[in-house]
Amino acid sequence: MALLKGTLDALVLKALSFGPMHGFEIIRWIEDGSRNEFLIEPAALLQALHRLEARRLLGGDWGITGNNRRARYYSLTPAGRAHLRTEAAALKSSTSALMTLLNARTAAEASR
């Protein structure tokens, strides 16, 4: 399923709220957490990470993975935590409004 615009950034920030992660861990967190509803293309994640880093919402440092490979580990900045709170509230509100609309009963359904 395609993500709504801006949702990937919020999900990346949410993933990093649990602690530093490298790209593959972020993808796995999103895909596993959504029961594979949201499949993330590595190129899309890389763009999101660069965008968020440019906005100083996250920072990155090089480290070694459990498989002894070099990877960039990302973590939230204080600005990233604040942005996540704001974006999460906005997405929850939008999702609630969307569900209200999708659950609206037509006149025909209401008369049954």
PDB file of N, CA and C in Angstrom:
ATOM      1  N   MET A   1       0.841  -1.176   0.000  1.00  0.00           N
ATOM      2  CA  MET A   1       0.000   0.000   0.000  1.00  0.00           C
ATOM      3  C   MET A   1       0.886   1.239   0.000  1.00  0.00           C
ATOM      4  N   ALA A   2       0.512   2.242  -0.738  1.00  0.00           N
ATOM      5  CA  ALA A   2       1.270   3.484  -0.794  1.00  0.00           C
ATOM      6  C   ALA A   2       1.000   4.311   0.455  1.00  0.00           C
ATOM      7  N   LEU A   3       2.043   4.953   0.937  1.00  0.00           N
ATOM      8  CA  LEU A   3       1.903   5.834   2.095  1.00  0.00           C
ATOM      9  C   LEU A   3       1.412   7.199   1.653  1.00  0.00           C
ATOM     10  N   LEU A   4       0.642   7.844   2.505  1.00  0.00           N
ATOM     11  CA  LEU A   4       0.237   9.217   2.245  1.00  0.00           C
ATOM     12  C   LEU A   4       1.454  10.119   2.317  1.00  0.00           C
ATOM     13  N   LYS A   5       1.429  11.206   1.574  1.00  0.00           N
ATOM     14  CA  LYS A   5       2.548  12.139   1.547  1.00  0.00           C
ATOM     15  C   LYS A   5       2.909  12.586   2.966  1.00  0.00           C
ATOM     16  N   GLY A   6       4.186  12.547   3.277  1.00  0.00           N
ATOM     17  CA  GLY A   6       4.665  12.964   4.590  1.00  0.00           C
ATOM     18  C   GLY A   6       4.659  11.874   5.636  1.00  0.00           C
ATOM     19  N   THR A   7       3.995  10.762   5.347  1.00  0.00           N
ATOM     20  CA  THR A   7       3.882   9.694   6.339  1.00  0.00           C
ATOM     21  C   THR A   7       5.210   8.986   6.569  1.00  0.00           C
ATOM     22  N   LEU A   8       5.989   8.777   5.512  1.00  0.00           N
ATOM     23  CA  LEU A   8       7.264   8.075   5.664  1.00  0.00           C
ATOM     24  C   LEU A   8       8.169   8.830   6.626  1.00  0.00           C
ATOM     25  N   ASP A   9       8.238  10.142   6.506  1.00  0.00           N
ATOM     26  CA  ASP A   9       9.084  10.925   7.412  1.00  0.00           C
ATOM     27  C   ASP A   9       8.660  10.706   8.855  1.00  0.00           C
ATOM     28  N   ALA A  10       7.372  10.739   9.123  1.00  0.00           N
ATOM     29  CA  ALA A  10       6.876  10.539  10.485  1.00  0.00           C
ATOM     30  C   ALA A  10       7.190   9.133  10.976  1.00  0.00           C
ATOM     31  N   LEU A  11       7.068   8.133  10.111  1.00  0.00           N
ATOM     32  CA  LEU A  11       7.362   6.755  10.513  1.00  0.00           C
ATOM     33  C   LEU A  11       8.851   6.565  10.789  1.00  0.00           C
ATOM     34  N   VAL A  12       9.698   7.211  10.012  1.00  0.00           N
ATOM     35  CA  VAL A  12      11.140   7.138  10.262  1.00  0.00           C
ATOM     36  C   VAL A  12      11.456   7.754  11.625  1.00  0.00           C
ATOM     37  N   LEU A  13      10.883   8.928  11.882  1.00  0.00           N
ATOM     38  CA  LEU A  13      11.108   9.571  13.177  1.00  0.00           C
ATOM     39  C   LEU A  13      10.591   8.699  14.319  1.00  0.00           C
ATOM     40  N   LYS A  14       9.430   8.086  14.130  1.00  0.00           N
ATOM     41  CA  LYS A  14       8.872   7.210  15.157  1.00  0.00           C
ATOM     42  C   LYS A  14       9.793   6.022  15.405  1.00  0.00           C
ATOM     43  N   ALA A  15      10.286   5.400  14.341  1.00  0.00           N
ATOM     44  CA  ALA A  15      11.205   4.274  14.494  1.00  0.00           C
ATOM     45  C   ALA A  15      12.418   4.689  15.323  1.00  0.00           C
ATOM     46  N   LEU A  16      12.959   5.853  15.024  1.00  0.00           N
ATOM     47  CA  LEU A  16      14.159   6.324  15.723  1.00  0.00           C
ATOM     48  C   LEU A  16      13.874   6.772  17.148  1.00  0.00           C
ATOM     49  N   SER A  17      12.591   6.952  17.483  1.00  0.00           N
ATOM     50  CA  SER A  17      12.258   7.312  18.866  1.00  0.00           C
ATOM     51  C   SER A  17      12.570   6.152  19.818  1.00  0.00           C
ATOM     52  N   PHE A  18      12.747   4.952  19.279  1.00  0.00           N
ATOM     53  CA  PHE A  18      13.103   3.787  20.088  1.00  0.00           C
ATOM     54  C   PHE A  18      14.607   3.657  20.278  1.00  0.00           C
ATOM     55  N   GLY A  19      15.372   4.451  19.529  1.00  0.00           N
ATOM     56  CA  GLY A  19      16.828   4.430  19.632  1.00  0.00           C
ATOM     57  C   GLY A  19      17.461   4.463  18.257  1.00  0.00           C
ATOM     58  N   PRO A  20      18.785   4.648  18.215  1.00  0.00           N
ATOM     59  CA  PRO A  20      19.484   4.715  16.926  1.00  0.00           C
ATOM     60  C   PRO A  20      19.292   3.445  16.101  1.00  0.00           C
ATOM     61  N   MET A  21      19.149   3.628  14.798  1.00  0.00           N
ATOM     62  CA  MET A  21      18.997   2.501  13.864  1.00  0.00           C
ATOM     63  C   MET A  21      19.678   2.847  12.552  1.00  0.00           C
ATOM     64  N   HIS A  22      20.076   1.804  11.836  1.00  0.00           N
ATOM     65  CA  HIS A  22      20.544   2.016  10.464  1.00  0.00           C
ATOM     66  C   HIS A  22      19.380   1.764   9.507  1.00  0.00           C
ATOM     67  N   GLY A  23      19.584   2.071   8.247  1.00  0.00           N
ATOM     68  CA  GLY A  23      18.500   2.036   7.265  1.00  0.00           C
ATOM     69  C   GLY A  23      17.723   0.740   7.218  1.00  0.00           C
ATOM     70  N   PHE A  24      18.430  -0.391   7.182  1.00  0.00           N
ATOM     71  CA  PHE A  24      17.731  -1.669   7.099  1.00  0.00           C
ATOM     72  C   PHE A  24      16.864  -1.899   8.333  1.00  0.00           C
ATOM     73  N   GLU A  25      17.343  -1.499   9.500  1.00  0.00           N
ATOM     74  CA  GLU A  25      16.548  -1.660  10.719  1.00  0.00           C
ATOM     75  C   GLU A  25      15.286  -0.803  10.673  1.00  0.00           C
ATOM     76  N   ILE A  26      15.402   0.400  10.113  1.00  0.00           N
ATOM     77  CA  ILE A  26      14.234   1.281   9.982  1.00  0.00           C
ATOM     78  C   ILE A  26      13.205   0.652   9.055  1.00  0.00           C
ATOM     79  N   ILE A  27      13.660   0.159   7.911  1.00  0.00           N
ATOM     80  CA  ILE A  27      12.754  -0.498   6.967  1.00  0.00           C
ATOM     81  C   ILE A  27      12.073  -1.685   7.636  1.00  0.00           C
ATOM     82  N   ARG A  28      12.845  -2.503   8.325  1.00  0.00           N
ATOM     83  CA  ARG A  28      12.287  -3.686   8.989  1.00  0.00           C
ATOM     84  C   ARG A  28      11.265  -3.278  10.049  1.00  0.00           C
ATOM     85  N   TRP A  29      11.548  -2.224  10.813  1.00  0.00           N
ATOM     86  CA  TRP A  29      10.616  -1.763  11.854  1.00  0.00           C
ATOM     87  C   TRP A  29       9.280  -1.356  11.234  1.00  0.00           C
ATOM     88  N   ILE A  30       9.335  -0.593  10.135  1.00  0.00           N
ATOM     89  CA  ILE A  30       8.105  -0.129   9.479  1.00  0.00           C
ATOM     90  C   ILE A  30       7.348  -1.296   8.854  1.00  0.00           C
ATOM     91  N   GLU A  31       8.054  -2.138   8.112  1.00  0.00           N
ATOM     92  CA  GLU A  31       7.385  -3.248   7.429  1.00  0.00           C
ATOM     93  C   GLU A  31       6.820  -4.265   8.420  1.00  0.00           C
ATOM     94  N   ASP A  32       7.603  -4.632   9.419  1.00  0.00           N
ATOM     95  CA  ASP A  32       7.114  -5.588  10.414  1.00  0.00           C
ATOM     96  C   ASP A  32       5.960  -4.998  11.214  1.00  0.00           C
ATOM     97  N   GLY A  33       6.093  -3.744  11.617  1.00  0.00           N
ATOM     98  CA  GLY A  33       5.059  -3.102  12.418  1.00  0.00           C
ATOM     99  C   GLY A  33       3.746  -2.913  11.680  1.00  0.00           C
ATOM    100  N   SER A  34       3.820  -2.794  10.355  1.00  0.00           N
ATOM    101  CA  SER A  34       2.603  -2.627   9.551  1.00  0.00           C
ATOM    102  C   SER A  34       2.113  -3.962   8.986  1.00  0.00           C
ATOM    103  N   ARG A  35       2.722  -5.047   9.444  1.00  0.00           N
ATOM    104  CA  ARG A  35       2.405  -6.384   8.912  1.00  0.00           C
ATOM    105  C   ARG A  35       2.529  -6.406   7.392  1.00  0.00           C
ATOM    106  N   ASN A  36       3.583  -5.742   6.906  1.00  0.00           N
ATOM    107  CA  ASN A  36       3.923  -5.653   5.480  1.00  0.00           C
ATOM    108  C   ASN A  36       2.895  -4.906   4.642  1.00  0.00           C
ATOM    109  N   GLU A  37       2.061  -4.087   5.275  1.00  0.00           N
ATOM    110  CA  GLU A  37       1.156  -3.206   4.520  1.00  0.00           C
ATOM    111  C   GLU A  37       1.953  -2.101   3.850  1.00  0.00           C
ATOM    112  N   PHE A  38       2.985  -1.614   4.535  1.00  0.00           N
ATOM    113  CA  PHE A  38       3.823  -0.542   4.012  1.00  0.00           C
ATOM    114  C   PHE A  38       5.191  -1.123   3.676  1.00  0.00           C
ATOM    115  N   LEU A  39       5.425  -1.353   2.394  1.00  0.00           N
ATOM    116  CA  LEU A  39       6.717  -1.844   1.927  1.00  0.00           C
ATOM    117  C   LEU A  39       7.541  -0.641   1.491  1.00  0.00           C
ATOM    118  N   ILE A  40       8.723  -0.510   2.060  1.00  0.00           N
ATOM    119  CA  ILE A  40       9.546   0.675   1.856  1.00  0.00           C
ATOM    120  C   ILE A  40      10.672   0.384   0.881  1.00  0.00           C
ATOM    121  N   GLU A  41      10.732   1.172  -0.160  1.00  0.00           N
ATOM    122  CA  GLU A  41      11.835   1.078  -1.117  1.00  0.00           C
ATOM    123  C   GLU A  41      13.071   1.714  -0.490  1.00  0.00           C
ATOM    124  N   PRO A  42      14.220   1.035  -0.562  1.00  0.00           N
ATOM    125  CA  PRO A  42      15.437   1.612   0.013  1.00  0.00           C
ATOM    126  C   PRO A  42      15.742   3.028  -0.498  1.00  0.00           C
ATOM    127  N   ALA A  43      15.497   3.284  -1.778  1.00  0.00           N
ATOM    128  CA  ALA A  43      15.762   4.621  -2.328  1.00  0.00           C
ATOM    129  C   ALA A  43      14.855   5.669  -1.691  1.00  0.00           C
ATOM    130  N   ALA A  44      13.607   5.313  -1.426  1.00  0.00           N
ATOM    131  CA  ALA A  44      12.682   6.250  -0.784  1.00  0.00           C
ATOM    132  C   ALA A  44      13.129   6.530   0.648  1.00  0.00           C
ATOM    133  N   LEU A  45      13.587   5.489   1.349  1.00  0.00           N
ATOM    134  CA  LEU A  45      14.082   5.692   2.710  1.00  0.00           C
ATOM    135  C   LEU A  45      15.306   6.593   2.700  1.00  0.00           C
ATOM    136  N   LEU A  46      16.220   6.349   1.784  1.00  0.00           N
ATOM    137  CA  LEU A  46      17.434   7.166   1.708  1.00  0.00           C
ATOM    138  C   LEU A  46      17.090   8.633   1.472  1.00  0.00           C
ATOM    139  N   GLN A  47      16.151   8.889   0.589  1.00  0.00           N
ATOM    140  CA  GLN A  47      15.710  10.275   0.353  1.00  0.00           C
ATOM    141  C   GLN A  47      15.128  10.875   1.623  1.00  0.00           C
ATOM    142  N   ALA A  48      14.305  10.114   2.337  1.00  0.00           N
ATOM    143  CA  ALA A  48      13.702  10.608   3.581  1.00  0.00           C
ATOM    144  C   ALA A  48      14.782  10.897   4.619  1.00  0.00           C
ATOM    145  N   LEU A  49      15.743   9.993   4.760  1.00  0.00           N
ATOM    146  CA  LEU A  49      16.820  10.205   5.728  1.00  0.00           C
ATOM    147  C   LEU A  49      17.618  11.461   5.406  1.00  0.00           C
ATOM    148  N   HIS A  50      17.946  11.666   4.139  1.00  0.00           N
ATOM    149  CA  HIS A  50      18.681  12.875   3.736  1.00  0.00           C
ATOM    150  C   HIS A  50      17.855  14.129   3.994  1.00  0.00           C
ATOM    151  N   ARG A  51      16.574  14.056   3.680  1.00  0.00           N
ATOM    152  CA  ARG A  51      15.677  15.203   3.887  1.00  0.00           C
ATOM    153  C   ARG A  51      15.585  15.546   5.379  1.00  0.00           C
ATOM    154  N   LEU A  52      15.409  14.541   6.211  1.00  0.00           N
ATOM    155  CA  LEU A  52      15.287  14.764   7.653  1.00  0.00           C
ATOM    156  C   LEU A  52      16.600  15.233   8.269  1.00  0.00           C
ATOM    157  N   GLU A  53      17.691  14.717   7.760  1.00  0.00           N
ATOM    158  CA  GLU A  53      19.002  15.142   8.261  1.00  0.00           C
ATOM    159  C   GLU A  53      19.281  16.593   7.858  1.00  0.00           C
ATOM    160  N   ALA A  54      18.909  16.963   6.642  1.00  0.00           N
ATOM    161  CA  ALA A  54      19.095  18.342   6.183  1.00  0.00           C
ATOM    162  C   ALA A  54      18.275  19.315   7.026  1.00  0.00           C
ATOM    163  N   ARG A  55      17.133  18.857   7.518  1.00  0.00           N
ATOM    164  CA  ARG A  55      16.273  19.695   8.367  1.00  0.00           C
ATOM    165  C   ARG A  55      16.692  19.623   9.834  1.00  0.00           C
ATOM    166  N   ARG A  56      17.756  18.892  10.116  1.00  0.00           N
ATOM    167  CA  ARG A  56      18.302  18.712  11.469  1.00  0.00           C
ATOM    168  C   ARG A  56      17.304  18.044  12.428  1.00  0.00           C
ATOM    169  N   LEU A  57      16.466  17.172  11.874  1.00  0.00           N
ATOM    170  CA  LEU A  57      15.519  16.424  12.694  1.00  0.00           C
ATOM    171  C   LEU A  57      16.122  15.104  13.156  1.00  0.00           C
ATOM    172  N   LEU A  58      17.206  14.710  12.510  1.00  0.00           N
ATOM    173  CA  LEU A  58      17.958  13.537  12.926  1.00  0.00           C
ATOM    174  C   LEU A  58      19.419  13.754  12.595  1.00  0.00           C
ATOM    175  N   GLY A  59      20.247  12.984  13.258  1.00  0.00           N
ATOM    176  CA  GLY A  59      21.682  13.013  13.006  1.00  0.00           C
ATOM    177  C   GLY A  59      22.149  11.619  12.704  1.00  0.00           C
ATOM    178  N   GLY A  60      23.331  11.507  12.140  1.00  0.00           N
ATOM    179  CA  GLY A  60      23.851  10.200  11.790  1.00  0.00           C
ATOM    180  C   GLY A  60      25.319  10.059  12.108  1.00  0.00           C
ATOM    181  N   ASP A  61      25.685   8.869  12.539  1.00  0.00           N
ATOM    182  CA  ASP A  61      27.077   8.516  12.816  1.00  0.00           C
ATOM    183  C   ASP A  61      27.350   7.137  12.250  1.00  0.00           C
ATOM    184  N   TRP A  62      28.579   6.930  11.803  1.00  0.00           N
ATOM    185  CA  TRP A  62      28.957   5.626  11.272  1.00  0.00           C
ATOM    186  C   TRP A  62      29.224   4.661  12.411  1.00  0.00           C
ATOM    187  N   GLY A  63      28.813   3.412  12.196  1.00  0.00           N
ATOM    188  CA  GLY A  63      29.035   2.368  13.186  1.00  0.00           C
ATOM    189  C   GLY A  63      29.122   1.013  12.506  1.00  0.00           C
ATOM    190  N   ILE A  64      29.195  -0.035  13.299  1.00  0.00           N
ATOM    191  CA  ILE A  64      29.311  -1.408  12.806  1.00  0.00           C
ATOM    192  C   ILE A  64      28.047  -2.176  13.207  1.00  0.00           C
ATOM    193  N   THR A  65      27.442  -2.861  12.242  1.00  0.00           N
ATOM    194  CA  THR A  65      26.230  -3.644  12.502  1.00  0.00           C
ATOM    195  C   THR A  65      26.576  -4.956  13.198  1.00  0.00           C
ATOM    196  N   GLY A  66      25.556  -5.689  13.595  1.00  0.00           N
ATOM    197  CA  GLY A  66      25.746  -7.011  14.187  1.00  0.00           C
ATOM    198  C   GLY A  66      26.404  -7.990  13.229  1.00  0.00           C
ATOM    199  N   ASN A  67      26.304  -7.715  11.924  1.00  0.00           N
ATOM    200  CA  ASN A  67      26.934  -8.567  10.901  1.00  0.00           C
ATOM    201  C   ASN A  67      28.326  -8.073  10.552  1.00  0.00           C
ATOM    202  N   ASN A  68      28.867  -7.190  11.395  1.00  0.00           N
ATOM    203  CA  ASN A  68      30.215  -6.645  11.214  1.00  0.00           C
ATOM    204  C   ASN A  68      30.363  -5.848   9.912  1.00  0.00           C
ATOM    205  N   ARG A  69      29.304  -5.126   9.552  1.00  0.00           N
ATOM    206  CA  ARG A  69      29.338  -4.256   8.367  1.00  0.00           C
ATOM    207  C   ARG A  69      29.227  -2.806   8.803  1.00  0.00           C
ATOM    208  N   ARG A  70      29.828  -1.954   8.039  1.00  0.00           N
ATOM    209  CA  ARG A  70      29.783  -0.522   8.317  1.00  0.00           C
ATOM    210  C   ARG A  70      28.428   0.031   7.866  1.00  0.00           C
ATOM    211  N   ALA A  71      27.778   0.807   8.718  1.00  0.00           N
ATOM    212  CA  ALA A  71      26.479   1.388   8.382  1.00  0.00           C
ATOM    213  C   ALA A  71      26.335   2.722   9.106  1.00  0.00           C
ATOM    214  N   ARG A  72      25.499   3.567   8.548  1.00  0.00           N
ATOM    215  CA  ARG A  72      25.215   4.855   9.176  1.00  0.00           C
ATOM    216  C   ARG A  72      24.023   4.666  10.114  1.00  0.00           C
ATOM    217  N   TYR A  73      24.219   4.988  11.386  1.00  0.00           N
ATOM    218  CA  TYR A  73      23.172   4.899  12.393  1.00  0.00           C
ATOM    219  C   TYR A  73      22.579   6.286  12.596  1.00  0.00           C
ATOM    220  N   TYR A  74      21.268   6.362  12.527  1.00  0.00           N
ATOM    221  CA  TYR A  74      20.558   7.627  12.672  1.00  0.00           C
ATOM    222  C   TYR A  74      19.899   7.694  14.037  1.00  0.00           C
ATOM    223  N   SER A  75      19.803   8.909  14.573  1.00  0.00           N
ATOM    224  CA  SER A  75      19.121   9.122  15.847  1.00  0.00           C
ATOM    225  C   SER A  75      18.394  10.462  15.803  1.00  0.00           C
ATOM    226  N   LEU A  76      17.362  10.564  16.631  1.00  0.00           N
ATOM    227  CA  LEU A  76      16.567  11.793  16.695  1.00  0.00           C
ATOM    228  C   LEU A  76      17.334  12.908  17.378  1.00  0.00           C
ATOM    229  N   THR A  77      17.131  14.100  16.908  1.00  0.00           N
ATOM    230  CA  THR A  77      17.607  15.292  17.606  1.00  0.00           C
ATOM    231  C   THR A  77      16.443  15.802  18.463  1.00  0.00           C
ATOM    232  N   PRO A  78      16.695  16.731  19.376  1.00  0.00           N
ATOM    233  CA  PRO A  78      15.570  17.315  20.119  1.00  0.00           C
ATOM    234  C   PRO A  78      14.515  17.925  19.184  1.00  0.00           C
ATOM    235  N   ALA A  79      14.964  18.558  18.098  1.00  0.00           N
ATOM    236  CA  ALA A  79      14.010  19.117  17.127  1.00  0.00           C
ATOM    237  C   ALA A  79      13.209  18.002  16.460  1.00  0.00           C
ATOM    238  N   GLY A  80      13.849  16.856  16.223  1.00  0.00           N
ATOM    239  CA  GLY A  80      13.156  15.716  15.634  1.00  0.00           C
ATOM    240  C   GLY A  80      12.083  15.162  16.550  1.00  0.00           C
ATOM    241  N   ARG A  81      12.370  15.113  17.854  1.00  0.00           N
ATOM    242  CA  ARG A  81      11.366  14.644  18.819  1.00  0.00           C
ATOM    243  C   ARG A  81      10.158  15.575  18.840  1.00  0.00           C
ATOM    244  N   ALA A  82      10.414  16.876  18.827  1.00  0.00           N
ATOM    245  CA  ALA A  82       9.315  17.853  18.825  1.00  0.00           C
ATOM    246  C   ALA A  82       8.512  17.736  17.537  1.00  0.00           C
ATOM    247  N   HIS A  83       9.200  17.586  16.413  1.00  0.00           N
ATOM    248  CA  HIS A  83       8.518  17.463  15.123  1.00  0.00           C
ATOM    249  C   HIS A  83       7.677  16.187  15.089  1.00  0.00           C
ATOM    250  N   LEU A  84       8.199  15.097  15.642  1.00  0.00           N
ATOM    251  CA  LEU A  84       7.450  13.841  15.687  1.00  0.00           C
ATOM    252  C   LEU A  84       6.157  14.016  16.471  1.00  0.00           C
ATOM    253  N   ARG A  85       6.206  14.690  17.607  1.00  0.00           N
ATOM    254  CA  ARG A  85       4.985  14.914  18.397  1.00  0.00           C
ATOM    255  C   ARG A  85       3.942  15.667  17.572  1.00  0.00           C
ATOM    256  N   THR A  86       4.379  16.725  16.890  1.00  0.00           N
ATOM    257  CA  THR A  86       3.469  17.537  16.080  1.00  0.00           C
ATOM    258  C   THR A  86       2.902  16.735  14.910  1.00  0.00           C
ATOM    259  N   GLU A  87       3.771  16.042  14.181  1.00  0.00           N
ATOM    260  CA  GLU A  87       3.339  15.270  13.009  1.00  0.00           C
ATOM    261  C   GLU A  87       2.455  14.094  13.407  1.00  0.00           C
ATOM    262  N   ALA A  88       2.782  13.426  14.501  1.00  0.00           N
ATOM    263  CA  ALA A  88       1.964  12.292  14.944  1.00  0.00           C
ATOM    264  C   ALA A  88       0.555  12.761  15.288  1.00  0.00           C
ATOM    265  N   ALA A  89       0.446  13.885  15.966  1.00  0.00           N
ATOM    266  CA  ALA A  89      -0.883  14.417  16.309  1.00  0.00           C
ATOM    267  C   ALA A  89      -1.660  14.772  15.051  1.00  0.00           C
ATOM    268  N   ALA A  90      -0.996  15.394  14.086  1.00  0.00           N
ATOM    269  CA  ALA A  90      -1.663  15.777  12.836  1.00  0.00           C
ATOM    270  C   ALA A  90      -2.107  14.545  12.053  1.00  0.00           C
ATOM    271  N   LEU A  91      -1.245  13.528  11.977  1.00  0.00           N
ATOM    272  CA  LEU A  91      -1.605  12.308  11.252  1.00  0.00           C
ATOM    273  C   LEU A  91      -2.746  11.562  11.935  1.00  0.00           C
ATOM    274  N   LYS A  92      -2.736  11.521  13.257  1.00  0.00           N
ATOM    275  CA  LYS A  92      -3.833  10.869  13.983  1.00  0.00           C
ATOM    276  C   LYS A  92      -5.147  11.590  13.722  1.00  0.00           C
ATOM    277  N   SER A  93      -5.116  12.907  13.700  1.00  0.00           N
ATOM    278  CA  SER A  93      -6.323  13.688  13.431  1.00  0.00           C
ATOM    279  C   SER A  93      -6.821  13.441  12.008  1.00  0.00           C
ATOM    280  N   SER A  94      -5.902  13.448  11.049  1.00  0.00           N
ATOM    281  CA  SER A  94      -6.272  13.208   9.645  1.00  0.00           C
ATOM    282  C   SER A  94      -6.826  11.800   9.464  1.00  0.00           C
ATOM    283  N   THR A  95      -6.189  10.834  10.106  1.00  0.00           N
ATOM    284  CA  THR A  95      -6.639   9.451  10.009  1.00  0.00           C
ATOM    285  C   THR A  95      -8.028   9.292  10.611  1.00  0.00           C
ATOM    286  N   SER A  96      -8.270   9.957  11.722  1.00  0.00           N
ATOM    287  CA  SER A  96      -9.586   9.902  12.359  1.00  0.00           C
ATOM    288  C   SER A  96     -10.651  10.490  11.439  1.00  0.00           C
ATOM    289  N   ALA A  97     -10.341  11.632  10.816  1.00  0.00           N
ATOM    290  CA  ALA A  97     -11.290  12.254   9.888  1.00  0.00           C
ATOM    291  C   ALA A  97     -11.533  11.353   8.675  1.00  0.00           C
ATOM    292  N   LEU A  98     -10.476  10.731   8.177  1.00  0.00           N
ATOM    293  CA  LEU A  98     -10.604   9.819   7.041  1.00  0.00           C
ATOM    294  C   LEU A  98     -11.491   8.626   7.405  1.00  0.00           C
ATOM    295  N   MET A  99     -11.286   8.065   8.578  1.00  0.00           N
ATOM    296  CA  MET A  99     -12.109   6.932   9.015  1.00  0.00           C
ATOM    297  C   MET A  99     -13.565   7.338   9.177  1.00  0.00           C
ATOM    298  N   THR A 100     -13.805   8.528   9.681  1.00  0.00           N
ATOM    299  CA  THR A 100     -15.178   9.017   9.816  1.00  0.00           C
ATOM    300  C   THR A 100     -15.854   9.058   8.458  1.00  0.00           C
ATOM    301  N   LEU A 101     -15.136   9.587   7.466  1.00  0.00           N
ATOM    302  CA  LEU A 101     -15.702   9.676   6.119  1.00  0.00           C
ATOM    303  C   LEU A 101     -15.912   8.300   5.501  1.00  0.00           C
ATOM    304  N   LEU A 102     -14.937   7.414   5.651  1.00  0.00           N
ATOM    305  CA  LEU A 102     -15.056   6.083   5.054  1.00  0.00           C
ATOM    306  C   LEU A 102     -16.120   5.234   5.736  1.00  0.00           C
ATOM    307  N   ASN A 103     -16.402   5.507   6.984  1.00  0.00           N
ATOM    308  CA  ASN A 103     -17.417   4.754   7.715  1.00  0.00           C
ATOM    309  C   ASN A 103     -18.809   5.378   7.621  1.00  0.00           C
ATOM    310  N   ALA A 104     -18.927   6.505   6.934  1.00  0.00           N
ATOM    311  CA  ALA A 104     -20.234   7.160   6.803  1.00  0.00           C
ATOM    312  C   ALA A 104     -21.193   6.226   6.070  1.00  0.00           C
ATOM    313  N   ARG A 105     -22.390   6.179   6.566  1.00  0.00           N
ATOM    314  CA  ARG A 105     -23.402   5.298   5.977  1.00  0.00           C
ATOM    315  C   ARG A 105     -24.222   6.092   4.954  1.00  0.00           C
ATOM    316  N   THR A 106     -24.466   5.473   3.833  1.00  0.00           N
ATOM    317  CA  THR A 106     -25.312   6.094   2.825  1.00  0.00           C
ATOM    318  C   THR A 106     -26.757   6.015   3.294  1.00  0.00           C
ATOM    319  N   ALA A 107     -27.616   6.748   2.634  1.00  0.00           N
ATOM    320  CA  ALA A 107     -29.045   6.713   2.977  1.00  0.00           C
ATOM    321  C   ALA A 107     -29.586   5.302   2.832  1.00  0.00           C
ATOM    322  N   ALA A 108     -29.159   4.588   1.805  1.00  0.00           N
ATOM    323  CA  ALA A 108     -29.627   3.217   1.580  1.00  0.00           C
ATOM    324  C   ALA A 108     -29.166   2.297   2.704  1.00  0.00           C
ATOM    325  N   GLU A 109     -27.918   2.472   3.160  1.00  0.00           N
ATOM    326  CA  GLU A 109     -27.415   1.629   4.257  1.00  0.00           C
ATOM    327  C   GLU A 109     -28.138   1.961   5.569  1.00  0.00           C
ATOM    328  N   ALA A 110     -28.429   3.217   5.764  1.00  0.00           N
ATOM    329  CA  ALA A 110     -29.085   3.629   7.001  1.00  0.00           C
ATOM    330  C   ALA A 110     -30.511   3.114   7.093  1.00  0.00           C
ATOM    331  N   SER A 111     -31.169   2.909   5.949  1.00  0.00           N
ATOM    332  CA  SER A 111     -32.562   2.473   5.971  1.00  0.00           C
ATOM    333  C   SER A 111     -32.701   0.958   6.117  1.00  0.00           C
ATOM    334  N   ARG A 112     -31.618   0.227   6.075  1.00  0.00           N
ATOM    335  CA  ARG A 112     -31.695  -1.243   6.206  1.00  0.00           C
ATOM    336  C   ARG A 112     -31.937  -1.665   7.612  1.00  0.00           C
TER     337      ARG A 112
END
